[in-house]
C-alpha atoms as a PDB file:
ATOM      1  CA  MET A   1      -0.187  -0.147   0.131  1.00  0.00           C
ATOM      2  CA  ALA A   2       0.937   3.212  -0.519  1.00  0.00           C
ATOM      3  CA  VAL A   3       0.559   7.495  -1.236  1.00  0.00           C
ATOM      4  CA  VAL A   4       1.112   9.073  -4.153  1.00  0.00           C
ATOM      5  CA  ALA A   5       0.793  12.734  -4.916  1.00  0.00           C
ATOM      6  CA  PHE A   6       0.254  14.837  -7.810  1.00  0.00           C
ATOM      7  CA  CYS A   7       1.234  17.683  -8.455  1.00  0.00           C
ATOM      8  CA  SER A   8       2.406  21.002 -10.573  1.00  0.00           C
ATOM      9  CA  ALA A   9       3.569  24.219 -11.264  1.00  0.00           C
ATOM     10  CA  THR A  10       1.881  25.999 -13.506  1.00  0.00           C
ATOM     11  CA  GLY A  11      -2.452  25.355 -13.649  1.00  0.00           C
ATOM     12  CA  ALA A  12      -4.856  23.481 -15.028  1.00  0.00           C
ATOM     13  CA  PRO A  13      -2.532  20.781 -16.495  1.00  0.00           C
ATOM     14  CA  GLY A  14      -4.025  17.682 -16.320  1.00  0.00           C
ATOM     15  CA  VAL A  15      -3.427  16.580 -12.018  1.00  0.00           C
ATOM     16  CA  SER A  16      -6.841  15.914 -11.131  1.00  0.00           C
ATOM     17  CA  THR A  17      -7.494  14.191 -14.033  1.00  0.00           C
ATOM     18  CA  VAL A  18      -4.211  12.191 -14.238  1.00  0.00           C
ATOM     19  CA  ALA A  19      -4.426  11.560 -10.079  1.00  0.00           C
ATOM     20  CA  THR A  20      -8.819   9.696 -11.042  1.00  0.00           C
ATOM     21  CA  LEU A  21      -7.387   8.403 -14.148  1.00  0.00           C
ATOM     22  CA  THR A  22      -4.469   6.426 -12.090  1.00  0.00           C
ATOM     23  CA  ALA A  23      -6.801   5.295  -9.318  1.00  0.00           C
ATOM     24  CA  ALA A  24      -9.347   3.872 -11.748  1.00  0.00           C
ATOM     25  CA  LEU A  25      -6.661   2.409 -13.332  1.00  0.00           C
ATOM     26  CA  TRP A  26      -5.111   0.838 -10.412  1.00  0.00           C
ATOM     27  CA  PRO A  27      -4.757  -3.214  -9.936  1.00  0.00           C
ATOM     28  CA  ARG A  28      -5.972  -2.798  -5.861  1.00  0.00           C
ATOM     29  CA  PRO A  29      -8.420  -0.179  -4.577  1.00  0.00           C
ATOM     30  CA  ALA A  30      -7.368   3.375  -4.467  1.00  0.00           C
ATOM     31  CA  VAL A  31      -9.121   6.440  -2.286  1.00  0.00           C
ATOM     32  CA  VAL A  32      -8.317   9.636  -3.775  1.00  0.00           C
ATOM     33  CA  LEU A  33      -8.126  12.547  -1.439  1.00  0.00           C
ATOM     34  CA  ASP A  34      -8.563  15.819  -3.088  1.00  0.00           C
ATOM     35  CA  ALA A  35      -6.233  17.962  -1.395  1.00  0.00           C
ATOM     36  CA  ASP A  36      -5.926  20.941  -3.513  1.00  0.00           C
ATOM     37  CA  PRO A  37      -5.466  24.012  -1.448  1.00  0.00           C
ATOM     38  CA  SER A  38      -7.128  26.114  -4.279  1.00  0.00           C
ATOM     39  CA  GLY A  39     -10.633  23.867  -3.939  1.00  0.00           C
ATOM     40  CA  GLY A  40     -11.070  20.872  -4.985  1.00  0.00           C
ATOM     41  CA  ASP A  41     -13.915  19.520  -8.037  1.00  0.00           C
ATOM     42  CA  VAL A  42     -12.918  15.657  -7.943  1.00  0.00           C
ATOM     43  CA  ALA A  43     -15.850  14.930  -6.806  1.00  0.00           C
ATOM     44  CA  LEU A  44     -18.335  17.479  -8.135  1.00  0.00           C
ATOM     45  CA  ARG A  45     -17.409  16.865 -11.692  1.00  0.00           C
ATOM     46  CA  LEU A  46     -17.784  12.776 -11.194  1.00  0.00           C
ATOM     47  CA  GLY A  47     -21.551  13.690  -9.944  1.00  0.00           C
ATOM     48  CA  SER A  48     -21.165  13.952  -6.402  1.00  0.00           C
ATOM     49  CA  ARG A  49     -22.983  17.005  -4.820  1.00  0.00           C
ATOM     50  CA  SER A  50     -20.558  16.655  -2.090  1.00  0.00           C
ATOM     51  CA  GLY A  51     -17.924  19.896  -1.891  1.00  0.00           C
ATOM     52  CA  GLY A  52     -17.249  22.456  -0.432  1.00  0.00           C
ATOM     53  CA  GLU A  53     -18.766  22.701   3.398  1.00  0.00           C
ATOM     54  CA  ASP A  54     -19.968  19.744   2.863  1.00  0.00           C
ATOM     55  CA  SER A  55     -16.277  18.582   2.013  1.00  0.00           C
ATOM     56  CA  GLY A  56     -14.404  15.530   3.563  1.00  0.00           C
ATOM     57  CA  MET A  57     -11.114  17.312   3.224  1.00  0.00           C
ATOM     58  CA  LEU A  58     -12.930  20.202   5.794  1.00  0.00           C
ATOM     59  CA  ARG A  59     -13.868  17.718   8.604  1.00  0.00           C
ATOM     60  CA  LEU A  60     -10.750  16.084   7.845  1.00  0.00           C
ATOM     61  CA  LEU A  61      -8.751  19.550   8.780  1.00  0.00           C
ATOM     62  CA  THR A  62     -11.401  20.703  11.124  1.00  0.00           C
ATOM     63  CA  ALA A  63     -10.996  17.690  13.439  1.00  0.00           C
ATOM     64  CA  ALA A  64      -7.463  17.529  12.773  1.00  0.00           C
ATOM     65  CA  ARG A  65      -6.834  20.525  15.750  1.00  0.00           C
ATOM     66  CA  HIS A  66      -7.685  17.682  18.339  1.00  0.00           C
ATOM     67  CA  GLY A  67      -5.788  14.863  16.578  1.00  0.00           C
ATOM     68  CA  LEU A  68      -6.807  12.318  13.564  1.00  0.00           C
ATOM     69  CA  ASP A  69      -5.739   8.797  12.588  1.00  0.00           C
ATOM     70  CA  ALA A  70      -5.810   6.448   9.224  1.00  0.00           C
ATOM     71  CA  ALA A  71      -9.257   5.265  10.107  1.00  0.00           C
ATOM     72  CA  ASP A  72     -10.965   9.394  10.365  1.00  0.00           C
ATOM     73  CA  VAL A  73      -9.195   9.141   6.704  1.00  0.00           C
ATOM     74  CA  LEU A  74     -11.169   6.885   5.386  1.00  0.00           C
ATOM     75  CA  ALA A  75     -14.175   7.504   6.511  1.00  0.00           C
ATOM     76  CA  GLU A  76     -14.500  10.464   4.797  1.00  0.00           C
ATOM     77  CA  THR A  77     -14.220   8.410   2.127  1.00  0.00           C
ATOM     78  CA  ARG A  78     -17.731   8.142  -0.220  1.00  0.00           C
ATOM     79  CA  THR A  79     -18.124   6.097  -3.575  1.00  0.00           C
ATOM     80  CA  LEU A  80     -18.685   7.930  -6.781  1.00  0.00           C
ATOM     81  CA  ASP A  81     -21.986   7.137  -9.201  1.00  0.00           C
ATOM     82  CA  GLY A  82     -18.747   5.136 -11.636  1.00  0.00           C
ATOM     83  CA  GLY A  83     -17.327   3.597  -8.421  1.00  0.00           C
ATOM     84  CA  LEU A  84     -14.257   5.609  -7.531  1.00  0.00           C
ATOM     85  CA  PRO A  85     -13.752   6.003  -4.101  1.00  0.00           C
ATOM     86  CA  VAL A  86     -13.142   9.624  -3.109  1.00  0.00           C
ATOM     87  CA  ILE A  87     -12.024  12.382  -0.341  1.00  0.00           C
ATOM     88  CA  SER A  88     -13.902  15.041  -1.579  1.00  0.00           C
ATOM     89  CA  GLY A  89     -11.611  18.371  -1.478  1.00  0.00           C
ATOM     90  CA  LEU A  90     -12.305  21.678  -0.162  1.00  0.00           C
ATOM     91  CA  GLY A  91     -14.714  24.741  -1.769  1.00  0.00           C
ATOM     92  CA  ARG A  92     -12.791  27.891  -1.799  1.00  0.00           C
ATOM     93  CA  PRO A  93      -8.712  28.391  -0.944  1.00  0.00           C
ATOM     94  CA  GLU A  94      -9.892  30.288   2.357  1.00  0.00           C
ATOM     95  CA  GLN A  95     -10.544  27.176   3.864  1.00  0.00           C
ATOM     96  CA  ALA A  96      -7.011  25.646   3.891  1.00  0.00           C
ATOM     97  CA  GLU A  97      -5.297  28.816   4.867  1.00  0.00           C
ATOM     98  CA  ALA A  98      -8.010  28.935   8.063  1.00  0.00           C
ATOM     99  CA  ALA A  99      -6.491  25.012   8.650  1.00  0.00           C
ATOM    100  CA  ARG A 100      -2.753  26.169   7.845  1.00  0.00           C
ATOM    101  CA  THR A 101      -2.121  24.603  11.440  1.00  0.00           C
ATOM    102  CA  SER A 102      -3.770  21.243  10.617  1.00  0.00           C
ATOM    103  CA  TRP A 103      -2.355  20.244   7.509  1.00  0.00           C
ATOM    104  CA  THR A 104       0.787  18.426   9.340  1.00  0.00           C
ATOM    105  CA  VAL A 105      -1.296  16.286  11.785  1.00  0.00           C
ATOM    106  CA  LEU A 106      -3.337  15.505   8.222  1.00  0.00           C
ATOM    107  CA  ALA A 107      -0.029  14.821   6.895  1.00  0.00           C
ATOM    108  CA  GLY A 108       0.802  12.012   9.414  1.00  0.00           C
ATOM    109  CA  ALA A 109      -3.061  10.298   9.459  1.00  0.00           C
ATOM    110  CA  VAL A 110      -2.649   9.907   5.611  1.00  0.00           C
ATOM    111  CA  ARG A 111       0.317   8.299   5.417  1.00  0.00           C
ATOM    112  CA  ALA A 112      -0.556   6.042   7.956  1.00  0.00           C
ATOM    113  CA  ALA A 113      -3.761   5.546   6.372  1.00  0.00           C
ATOM    114  CA  GLY A 114      -1.448   4.572   3.221  1.00  0.00           C
ATOM    115  CA  THR A 115      -0.614   0.945   4.915  1.00  0.00           C
ATOM    116  CA  ALA A 116      -4.073   0.155   4.535  1.00  0.00           C
ATOM    117  CA  THR A 117      -4.857   1.232   1.019  1.00  0.00           C
ATOM    118  CA  ASP A 118      -3.312   2.877  -2.110  1.00  0.00           C
ATOM    119  CA  LEU A 119      -4.214   6.497  -1.923  1.00  0.00           C
ATOM    120  CA  MET A 120      -3.678   8.691  -4.717  1.00  0.00           C
ATOM    121  CA  VAL A 121      -3.515  12.631  -3.383  1.00  0.00           C
ATOM    122  CA  ASP A 122      -3.879  15.623  -6.071  1.00  0.00           C
ATOM    123  CA  THR A 123      -2.849  18.049  -4.199  1.00  0.00           C
ATOM    124  CA  GLY A 124      -3.209  20.659  -7.077  1.00  0.00           C
ATOM    125  CA  ARG A 125      -0.466  23.072  -8.270  1.00  0.00           C
ATOM    126  CA  LEU A 126       2.460  23.757  -6.380  1.00  0.00           C
ATOM    127  CA  GLY A 127       3.323  27.290  -5.869  1.00  0.00           C
ATOM    128  CA  SER A 128       6.342  27.499  -3.142  1.00  0.00           C
ATOM    129  CA  PRO A 129       6.607  23.871  -1.505  1.00  0.00           C
ATOM    130  CA  SER A 130       8.149  25.172   0.819  1.00  0.00           C
ATOM    131  CA  SER A 131       5.277  27.095   1.791  1.00  0.00           C
ATOM    132  CA  ALA A 132       2.194  25.482   0.417  1.00  0.00           C
ATOM    133  CA  PRO A 133      -0.213  23.986   3.078  1.00  0.00           C
ATOM    134  CA  THR A 134       0.792  20.806   1.034  1.00  0.00           C
ATOM    135  CA  ALA A 135       4.142  20.419   1.912  1.00  0.00           C
ATOM    136  CA  PRO A 136       3.598  17.485   4.675  1.00  0.00           C
ATOM    137  CA  LEU A 137       1.442  15.872   2.478  1.00  0.00           C
ATOM    138  CA  LEU A 138       4.444  15.974  -0.110  1.00  0.00           C
ATOM    139  CA  ALA A 139       6.787  15.131   2.615  1.00  0.00           C
ATOM    140  CA  VAL A 140       5.121  11.782   3.260  1.00  0.00           C
ATOM    141  CA  ALA A 141       4.245  10.777  -0.466  1.00  0.00           C
ATOM    142  CA  ASP A 142       6.243   7.024  -1.003  1.00  0.00           C
ATOM    143  CA  LEU A 143       6.126   8.851  -5.022  1.00  0.00           C
ATOM    144  CA  VAL A 144       5.529  12.273  -6.059  1.00  0.00           C
ATOM    145  CA  VAL A 145       4.082  13.023  -9.955  1.00  0.00           C
ATOM    146  CA  VAL A 146       4.929  15.902 -11.534  1.00  0.00           C
ATOM    147  CA  VAL A 147       2.382  16.630 -14.144  1.00  0.00           C
ATOM    148  CA  LEU A 148       3.129  19.421 -16.988  1.00  0.00           C
ATOM    149  CA  THR A 149       3.341  20.140 -20.765  1.00  0.00           C
ATOM    150  CA  PRO A 150       6.017  20.009 -23.153  1.00  0.00           C
ATOM    151  CA  GLU A 151       6.330  23.854 -23.758  1.00  0.00           C
ATOM    152  CA  LEU A 152       8.859  26.208 -22.786  1.00  0.00           C
ATOM    153  CA  ALA A 153       7.641  27.993 -19.957  1.00  0.00           C
ATOM    154  CA  ALA A 154       5.778  24.947 -18.322  1.00  0.00           C
ATOM    155  CA  LEU A 155       9.027  23.430 -17.998  1.00  0.00           C
ATOM    156  CA  ALA A 156      11.005  26.632 -16.853  1.00  0.00           C
ATOM    157  CA  HIS A 157       8.733  26.898 -14.424  1.00  0.00           C
ATOM    158  CA  THR A 158       8.590  23.629 -13.258  1.00  0.00           C
ATOM    159  CA  ARG A 159      12.545  22.753 -13.367  1.00  0.00           C
ATOM    160  CA  THR A 160      12.330  26.002 -10.266  1.00  0.00           C
ATOM    161  CA  ARG A 161      10.041  24.007  -8.807  1.00  0.00           C
ATOM    162  CA  ALA A 162      11.133  21.235  -8.664  1.00  0.00           C
ATOM    163  CA  VAL A 163      14.753  23.021  -6.948  1.00  0.00           C
ATOM    164  CA  ALA A 164      12.198  23.797  -4.070  1.00  0.00           C
ATOM    165  CA  LEU A 165      10.034  20.427  -3.558  1.00  0.00           C
ATOM    166  CA  ALA A 166      13.804  18.784  -2.954  1.00  0.00           C
ATOM    167  CA  ASP A 167      14.345  20.633  -0.446  1.00  0.00           C
ATOM    168  CA  VAL A 168      11.338  19.796   1.516  1.00  0.00           C
ATOM    169  CA  LEU A 169      11.600  16.049   0.409  1.00  0.00           C
ATOM    170  CA  THR A 170      14.955  15.617   1.974  1.00  0.00           C
ATOM    171  CA  ARG A 171      14.186  17.045   4.751  1.00  0.00           C
ATOM    172  CA  SER A 172      11.507  15.109   5.615  1.00  0.00           C
ATOM    173  CA  GLY A 173      13.716  12.153   6.030  1.00  0.00           C
ATOM    174  CA  GLY A 174      13.275   8.286   5.518  1.00  0.00           C
ATOM    175  CA  THR A 175      13.162   6.613   1.937  1.00  0.00           C
ATOM    176  CA  VAL A 176      15.708   8.431  -0.972  1.00  0.00           C
ATOM    177  CA  PRO A 177      12.473  10.543  -2.285  1.00  0.00           C
ATOM    178  CA  VAL A 178      11.491  10.044  -5.636  1.00  0.00           C
ATOM    179  CA  VAL A 179       9.959  12.369  -8.675  1.00  0.00           C
ATOM    180  CA  ALA A 180       8.372  11.524 -11.245  1.00  0.00           C
ATOM    181  CA  PRO A 181       7.746  14.004 -13.778  1.00  0.00           C
ATOM    182  CA  LEU A 182       5.138  12.673 -16.266  1.00  0.00           C
ATOM    183  CA  VAL A 183       4.495  14.788 -19.839  1.00  0.00           C
ATOM    184  CA  VAL A 184       1.260  15.611 -21.204  1.00  0.00           C
ATOM    185  CA  GLY A 185       0.805  16.389 -24.879  1.00  0.00           C
ATOM    186  CA  GLY A 186       3.267  17.380 -27.312  1.00  0.00           C
ATOM    187  CA  THR A 187       5.447  15.093 -29.451  1.00  0.00           C
ATOM    188  CA  ARG A 188       7.363  12.634 -28.012  1.00  0.00           C
ATOM    189  CA  ARG A 189      10.712  13.739 -28.489  1.00  0.00           C
ATOM    190  CA  ASP A 190       8.890  16.890 -26.751  1.00  0.00           C
ATOM    191  CA  ALA A 191       8.344  15.085 -24.148  1.00  0.00           C
ATOM    192  CA  GLY A 192      11.844  13.611 -23.645  1.00  0.00           C
ATOM    193  CA  THR A 193      13.565  16.878 -23.761  1.00  0.00           C
ATOM    194  CA  ALA A 194      11.079  18.178 -21.010  1.00  0.00           C
ATOM    195  CA  VAL A 195      11.665  14.967 -18.429  1.00  0.00           C
ATOM    196  CA  ALA A 196      15.568  14.933 -19.760  1.00  0.00           C
ATOM    197  CA  VAL A 197      15.925  18.574 -18.216  1.00  0.00           C
ATOM    198  CA  LEU A 198      14.370  17.578 -15.002  1.00  0.00           C
ATOM    199  CA  GLN A 199      16.211  14.525 -14.520  1.00  0.00           C
ATOM    200  CA  ASP A 200      19.384  16.409 -14.372  1.00  0.00           C
ATOM    201  CA  THR A 201      17.851  19.396 -12.372  1.00  0.00           C
ATOM    202  CA  ALA A 202      16.204  16.539  -9.598  1.00  0.00           C
ATOM    203  CA  ARG A 203      19.187  14.326 -10.319  1.00  0.00           C
ATOM    204  CA  ARG A 204      21.644  17.294  -9.284  1.00  0.00           C
ATOM    205  CA  SER A 205      18.934  17.604  -6.085  1.00  0.00           C
ATOM    206  CA  GLY A 206      18.890  14.748  -4.256  1.00  0.00           C
ATOM    207  CA  LEU A 207      16.110  13.093  -5.423  1.00  0.00           C
ATOM    208  CA  GLY A 208      15.797   9.854  -7.551  1.00  0.00           C
ATOM    209  CA  VAL A 209      13.912   9.934 -11.214  1.00  0.00           C
ATOM    210  CA  LEU A 210      11.115   7.644 -12.569  1.00  0.00           C
ATOM    211  CA  ASP A 211      11.337   7.729 -15.920  1.00  0.00           C
ATOM    212  CA  LEU A 212       7.702   7.509 -17.681  1.00  0.00           C
ATOM    213  CA  SER A 213       5.846   7.656 -20.427  1.00  0.00           C
ATOM    214  CA  PRO A 214       3.846  10.620 -21.386  1.00  0.00           C
ATOM    215  CA  LEU A 215       0.688  10.567 -22.010  1.00  0.00           C
ATOM    216  CA  PRO A 216      -1.373  11.972 -25.165  1.00  0.00           C
ATOM    217  CA  HIS A 217      -3.161  15.343 -25.257  1.00  0.00           C
ATOM    218  CA  ASP A 218      -6.563  13.123 -25.778  1.00  0.00           C
ATOM    219  CA  PRO A 219      -9.602  16.044 -24.684  1.00  0.00           C
ATOM    220  CA  ALA A 220     -12.183  12.828 -25.697  1.00  0.00           C
ATOM    221  CA  GLY A 221     -10.267  10.575 -22.598  1.00  0.00           C
ATOM    222  CA  ALA A 222      -9.958  13.649 -20.615  1.00  0.00           C
ATOM    223  CA  ALA A 223     -13.190  13.997 -20.239  1.00  0.00           C
ATOM    224  CA  VAL A 224     -14.894  10.880 -19.231  1.00  0.00           C
ATOM    225  CA  PHE A 225     -12.957  11.836 -15.954  1.00  0.00           C
ATOM    226  CA  ALA A 226     -14.701  15.436 -16.012  1.00  0.00           C
ATOM    227  CA  GLY A 227     -18.003  14.089 -15.263  1.00  0.00           C
ATOM    228  CA  THR A 228     -19.019  13.337 -19.603  1.00  0.00           C
ATOM    229  CA  PRO A 229     -19.721   9.672 -19.957  1.00  0.00           C
ATOM    230  CA  GLY A 230     -19.186   8.652 -23.471  1.00  0.00           C
ATOM    231  CA  PRO A 231     -19.234   4.761 -25.190  1.00  0.00           C
ATOM    232  CA  ARG A 232     -16.086   2.887 -24.679  1.00  0.00           C
ATOM    233  CA  PRO A 233     -13.697   4.787 -22.472  1.00  0.00           C
ATOM    234  CA  GLU A 234     -11.242   1.949 -22.635  1.00  0.00           C
ATOM    235  CA  ARG A 235     -11.119   2.431 -26.155  1.00  0.00           C
ATOM    236  CA  THR A 236      -9.441   6.149 -25.611  1.00  0.00           C
ATOM    237  CA  ALA A 237      -5.736   7.161 -26.174  1.00  0.00           C
ATOM    238  CA  LEU A 238      -5.541   8.265 -22.536  1.00  0.00           C
ATOM    239  CA  VAL A 239      -6.749   5.171 -20.981  1.00  0.00           C
ATOM    240  CA  ARG A 240      -5.152   3.017 -23.240  1.00  0.00           C
ATOM    241  CA  ALA A 241      -1.418   4.827 -22.487  1.00  0.00           C
ATOM    242  CA  GLY A 242      -2.695   5.261 -18.589  1.00  0.00           C
ATOM    243  CA  ARG A 243      -2.599   1.278 -18.833  1.00  0.00           C
ATOM    244  CA  GLY A 244       1.521   1.602 -18.688  1.00  0.00           C
ATOM    245  CA  LEU A 245       1.570   4.722 -16.667  1.00  0.00           C
ATOM    246  CA  VAL A 246      -0.316   2.529 -13.850  1.00  0.00           C
ATOM    247  CA  ARG A 247       1.503   0.090 -14.552  1.00  0.00           C
ATOM    248  CA  ALA A 248       5.220   1.409 -13.960  1.00  0.00           C
ATOM    249  CA  LEU A 249       3.913   3.572 -10.761  1.00  0.00           C
ATOM    250  CA  ALA A 250       3.027   0.386  -9.093  1.00  0.00           C
ATOM    251  CA  GLU A 251       6.077  -1.944  -9.880  1.00  0.00           C
ATOM    252  CA  HIS A 252       8.466   1.417  -8.608  1.00  0.00           C
ATOM    253  CA  LEU A 253       5.706   1.039  -5.785  1.00  0.00           C
ATOM    254  CA  ASP A 254       6.139  -3.111  -5.150  1.00  0.00           C
ATOM    255  CA  HIS A 255       9.917  -2.809  -5.532  1.00  0.00           C
ATOM    256  CA  LEU A 256       9.703  -0.301  -2.473  1.00  0.00           C
ATOM    257  CA  ALA A 257       7.478  -2.453  -0.171  1.00  0.00           C
ATOM    258  CA  HIS A 258       9.897  -4.905  -1.036  1.00  0.00           C
ATOM    259  CA  LEU A 259      13.197  -2.754  -0.234  1.00  0.00           C
ATOM    260  CA  ALA A 260      10.705  -2.580   3.183  1.00  0.00           C
ATOM    261  CA  HIS A 261      10.439  -5.783   3.883  1.00  0.00           C
ATOM    262  CA  LEU A 262      13.805  -6.654   3.275  1.00  0.00           C
ATOM    263  CA  ALA A 263      15.247  -3.865   5.552  1.00  0.00           C
ATOM    264  CA  THR A 264      13.134  -5.260   8.403  1.00  0.00           C
ATOM    265  CA  ALA A 265      13.304  -9.158   8.391  1.00  0.00           C
ATOM    266  CA  PRO A 266      15.403 -10.759  10.687  1.00  0.00           C
ATOM    267  CA  PRO A 267      18.172 -11.858   9.597  1.00  0.00           C
ATOM    268  CA  THR A 268      18.955 -15.394   8.607  1.00  0.00           C
ATOM    269  CA  ALA A 269      20.834 -18.046  10.128  1.00  0.00           C
ATOM    270  CA  VAL A 270      24.185 -17.878   8.241  1.00  0.00           C
ATOM    271  CA  PRO A 271      25.107 -21.907   8.068  1.00  0.00           C
ATOM    272  CA  SER A 272      28.118 -23.276   9.969  1.00  0.00           C
ATOM    273  CA  LEU A 273      31.529 -23.761   7.085  1.00  0.00           C
ATOM    274  CA  THR A 274      32.953 -26.499   9.046  1.00  0.00           C
ATOM    275  CA  GLY A 275      30.309 -28.670  10.385  1.00  0.00           C
ATOM    276  CA  ASP A 276      30.752 -27.830  13.977  1.00  0.00           C
ATOM    277  CA  ARG A 277      27.331 -28.056  15.602  1.00  0.00           C
ATOM    278  CA  PRO A 278      25.699 -26.246  18.277  1.00  0.00           C
END
């Protein structure tokens, strides 16, 4: 089980779509936590009326003043009509600011919940990672997926934010933090250039990098994850490419889990080489 955070350095590159796509195709049950401090719309655009003052995130941040645990987080899960489990997001940015001191407590509970189920955390636009309310959530994630488009401006902003993000993640301790740049749209050559630049920046900042194949710019496929029903969504370019994305993420997280198991397993007795018996 794991916590995967999704973010971007610029506005509207498809973070919510990617987080929802990943959860929908995940090989195990997964919950989308809509933690965008600017206001979340995952539940709203997928047909739920839950949001704003009836937000699971708002209830969690309010309750965090008195402490939270994993059960509190998972109790806010609502299953949408299509079958996707979601914890609905805030209604407006002011709610995130008012509860700023609660985000660290929330992050600890989310980390604990990630041992019981996989959580796909939509943290929205990154902004300044060191001062963003979502910084504690990024710090407890097993993997941070940074979504961007291949335009030069988006790449420049993402590169700057990646350096600041590296500082947040490396100060969090624990396992070696890893980021996964995910390019949406453009040609494969454009995506390859963008990823190469970000890989170099991340490595110089002390981060590991997971190489992900790009996702296509597919309005028809994205519309399915924005609440617009369509025939045979599994045939859209976005979903077809999304299966490869999910496979790469799941394999990486399974590898991390295996390494963690080896680190905590009791030492194996070494057989005697001399034939002596105790």
